Amino acid sequence: MQKVITITQLTVGVTTTSKVFLETEYPQLTKYLEEGYIIRQTIHTELTTSTAYAITFILEK
């Protein structure tokens, strides 16, 4: 069984005085991983505005 999840993350507001790398948790992805799904593939996509990106996770159980 496969599931596909796409997460969109904004990159606006990152300055030289702020943290460049922030740790973010995605509850729906965490839920599926706890249920035994594994990540088979990730697809990174920069959105056209350059202020956000998307990560698509292909999960399999």
N, C-alpha and C. Protein backbone atom coordinates (compact mmCIF):
# COMPACT_ATOMS: atom_id res chain seq x y z
N MET A 1 0.84 -1.17 0.00
CA MET A 1 0.00 0.00 0.00
C MET A 1 0.89 1.24 0.00
N GLN A 2 0.56 2.20 -0.83
CA GLN A 2 1.33 3.45 -0.91
C GLN A 2 0.48 4.64 -0.52
N LYS A 3 1.14 5.65 0.00
CA LYS A 3 0.52 6.94 0.28
C LYS A 3 1.47 8.01 -0.25
N VAL A 4 0.89 9.13 -0.68
CA VAL A 4 1.68 10.26 -1.16
C VAL A 4 1.29 11.48 -0.33
N ILE A 5 2.28 12.13 0.26
CA ILE A 5 2.05 13.33 1.05
C ILE A 5 2.93 14.44 0.48
N THR A 6 2.36 15.61 0.27
CA THR A 6 3.14 16.77 -0.15
C THR A 6 3.06 17.83 0.94
N ILE A 7 4.22 18.30 1.35
CA ILE A 7 4.33 19.31 2.40
C ILE A 7 4.91 20.57 1.77
N THR A 8 4.27 21.70 2.02
CA THR A 8 4.76 22.98 1.52
C THR A 8 5.29 23.79 2.69
N GLN A 9 6.48 24.33 2.54
CA GLN A 9 7.13 25.10 3.60
C GLN A 9 7.52 26.47 3.08
N LEU A 10 7.15 27.51 3.80
CA LEU A 10 7.53 28.87 3.44
C LEU A 10 8.96 29.15 3.86
N THR A 11 9.67 29.96 3.08
CA THR A 11 11.03 30.35 3.42
C THR A 11 11.14 31.84 3.66
N VAL A 12 10.03 32.54 3.73
CA VAL A 12 10.01 33.98 3.94
C VAL A 12 10.41 34.29 5.38
N GLY A 13 11.14 35.38 5.56
CA GLY A 13 11.47 35.82 6.91
C GLY A 13 12.81 35.33 7.42
N VAL A 14 13.54 34.55 6.63
CA VAL A 14 14.87 34.10 7.05
C VAL A 14 15.85 35.23 6.79
N THR A 15 16.49 35.69 7.83
CA THR A 15 17.48 36.76 7.70
C THR A 15 18.81 36.27 8.24
N THR A 16 19.81 37.10 8.10
CA THR A 16 21.14 36.69 8.59
C THR A 16 21.18 36.61 10.11
N THR A 17 20.26 37.28 10.79
CA THR A 17 20.25 37.22 12.25
C THR A 17 19.34 36.13 12.79
N SER A 18 18.50 35.55 11.94
CA SER A 18 17.62 34.48 12.40
C SER A 18 18.28 33.13 12.12
N LYS A 19 17.70 32.11 12.69
CA LYS A 19 18.20 30.76 12.43
C LYS A 19 17.92 30.39 10.98
N VAL A 20 18.93 29.94 10.29
CA VAL A 20 18.76 29.56 8.89
C VAL A 20 18.07 28.20 8.79
N PHE A 21 18.43 27.28 9.69
CA PHE A 21 17.82 25.95 9.68
C PHE A 21 16.93 25.81 10.89
N LEU A 22 15.67 25.59 10.64
CA LEU A 22 14.71 25.40 11.72
C LEU A 22 14.20 23.97 11.65
N GLU A 23 14.01 23.38 12.80
CA GLU A 23 13.47 22.03 12.86
C GLU A 23 11.95 22.12 12.90
N THR A 24 11.32 21.44 11.97
CA THR A 24 9.86 21.46 11.87
C THR A 24 9.35 20.03 11.85
N GLU A 25 8.30 19.78 12.59
CA GLU A 25 7.70 18.44 12.60
C GLU A 25 6.38 18.48 11.83
N TYR A 26 6.15 17.45 11.05
CA TYR A 26 4.93 17.35 10.25
C TYR A 26 4.10 16.20 10.80
N PRO A 27 3.05 16.53 11.56
CA PRO A 27 2.28 15.51 12.28
C PRO A 27 1.71 14.39 11.40
N GLN A 28 1.20 14.70 10.23
CA GLN A 28 0.62 13.66 9.38
C GLN A 28 1.68 12.68 8.91
N LEU A 29 2.86 13.19 8.54
CA LEU A 29 3.96 12.32 8.12
C LEU A 29 4.42 11.46 9.29
N THR A 30 4.56 12.06 10.46
CA THR A 30 4.98 11.33 11.66
C THR A 30 3.99 10.21 11.97
N LYS A 31 2.70 10.49 11.83
CA LYS A 31 1.67 9.48 12.09
C LYS A 31 1.85 8.26 11.19
N TYR A 32 2.06 8.50 9.90
CA TYR A 32 2.23 7.38 8.98
C TYR A 32 3.52 6.60 9.27
N LEU A 33 4.57 7.28 9.63
CA LEU A 33 5.81 6.58 9.96
C LEU A 33 5.62 5.72 11.21
N GLU A 34 4.89 6.22 12.19
CA GLU A 34 4.61 5.44 13.39
C GLU A 34 3.72 4.23 13.09
N GLU A 35 2.91 4.32 12.04
CA GLU A 35 2.04 3.21 11.63
C GLU A 35 2.80 2.16 10.81
N GLY A 36 4.08 2.38 10.57
CA GLY A 36 4.89 1.38 9.87
C GLY A 36 5.21 1.69 8.43
N TYR A 37 4.76 2.83 7.92
CA TYR A 37 5.12 3.22 6.56
C TYR A 37 6.58 3.61 6.52
N ILE A 38 7.23 3.40 5.39
CA ILE A 38 8.60 3.86 5.19
C ILE A 38 8.64 4.80 4.00
N ILE A 39 9.61 5.69 3.99
CA ILE A 39 9.75 6.64 2.89
C ILE A 39 10.52 5.96 1.77
N ARG A 40 9.88 5.80 0.62
CA ARG A 40 10.51 5.19 -0.55
C ARG A 40 11.20 6.22 -1.43
N GLN A 41 10.65 7.42 -1.47
CA GLN A 41 11.21 8.45 -2.35
C GLN A 41 10.78 9.82 -1.85
N THR A 42 11.63 10.81 -2.04
CA THR A 42 11.26 12.20 -1.78
C THR A 42 11.52 13.00 -3.05
N ILE A 43 10.63 13.95 -3.32
CA ILE A 43 10.77 14.81 -4.48
C ILE A 43 10.72 16.25 -3.99
N HIS A 44 11.79 16.98 -4.20
CA HIS A 44 11.89 18.37 -3.76
C HIS A 44 11.55 19.28 -4.93
N THR A 45 10.69 20.26 -4.68
CA THR A 45 10.26 21.18 -5.74
C THR A 45 10.30 22.60 -5.21
N GLU A 46 11.06 23.46 -5.87
CA GLU A 46 11.03 24.88 -5.52
C GLU A 46 9.85 25.51 -6.25
N LEU A 47 9.02 26.19 -5.49
CA LEU A 47 7.86 26.83 -6.11
C LEU A 47 8.30 28.09 -6.85
N THR A 48 7.50 28.54 -7.78
CA THR A 48 7.89 29.62 -8.68
C THR A 48 8.18 30.94 -7.98
N THR A 49 7.64 31.13 -6.80
CA THR A 49 7.85 32.39 -6.09
C THR A 49 9.19 32.44 -5.39
N SER A 50 9.87 31.34 -5.23
CA SER A 50 11.15 31.22 -4.52
C SER A 50 11.02 31.55 -3.03
N THR A 51 9.81 31.67 -2.53
CA THR A 51 9.61 31.91 -1.10
C THR A 51 9.05 30.67 -0.42
N ALA A 52 8.92 29.60 -1.17
CA ALA A 52 8.40 28.36 -0.61
C ALA A 52 8.93 27.18 -1.43
N TYR A 53 8.89 26.03 -0.80
CA TYR A 53 9.24 24.82 -1.52
C TYR A 53 8.29 23.71 -1.08
N ALA A 54 8.23 22.68 -1.87
CA ALA A 54 7.38 21.53 -1.55
C ALA A 54 8.24 20.28 -1.54
N ILE A 55 7.93 19.39 -0.62
CA ILE A 55 8.55 18.08 -0.57
C ILE A 55 7.44 17.05 -0.66
N THR A 56 7.54 16.18 -1.64
CA THR A 56 6.58 15.11 -1.78
C THR A 56 7.23 13.82 -1.27
N PHE A 57 6.53 13.15 -0.37
CA PHE A 57 7.01 11.89 0.20
C PHE A 57 6.17 10.76 -0.37
N ILE A 58 6.84 9.77 -0.96
CA ILE A 58 6.18 8.55 -1.41
C ILE A 58 6.41 7.54 -0.30
N LEU A 59 5.33 7.11 0.35
CA LEU A 59 5.41 6.18 1.46
C LEU A 59 4.91 4.82 1.03
N GLU A 60 5.45 3.78 1.67
CA GLU A 60 5.02 2.42 1.35
C GLU A 60 4.98 1.61 2.61
N LYS A 61 4.00 0.71 2.67
CA LYS A 61 3.88 -0.17 3.82
C LYS A 61 3.97 -1.61 3.37
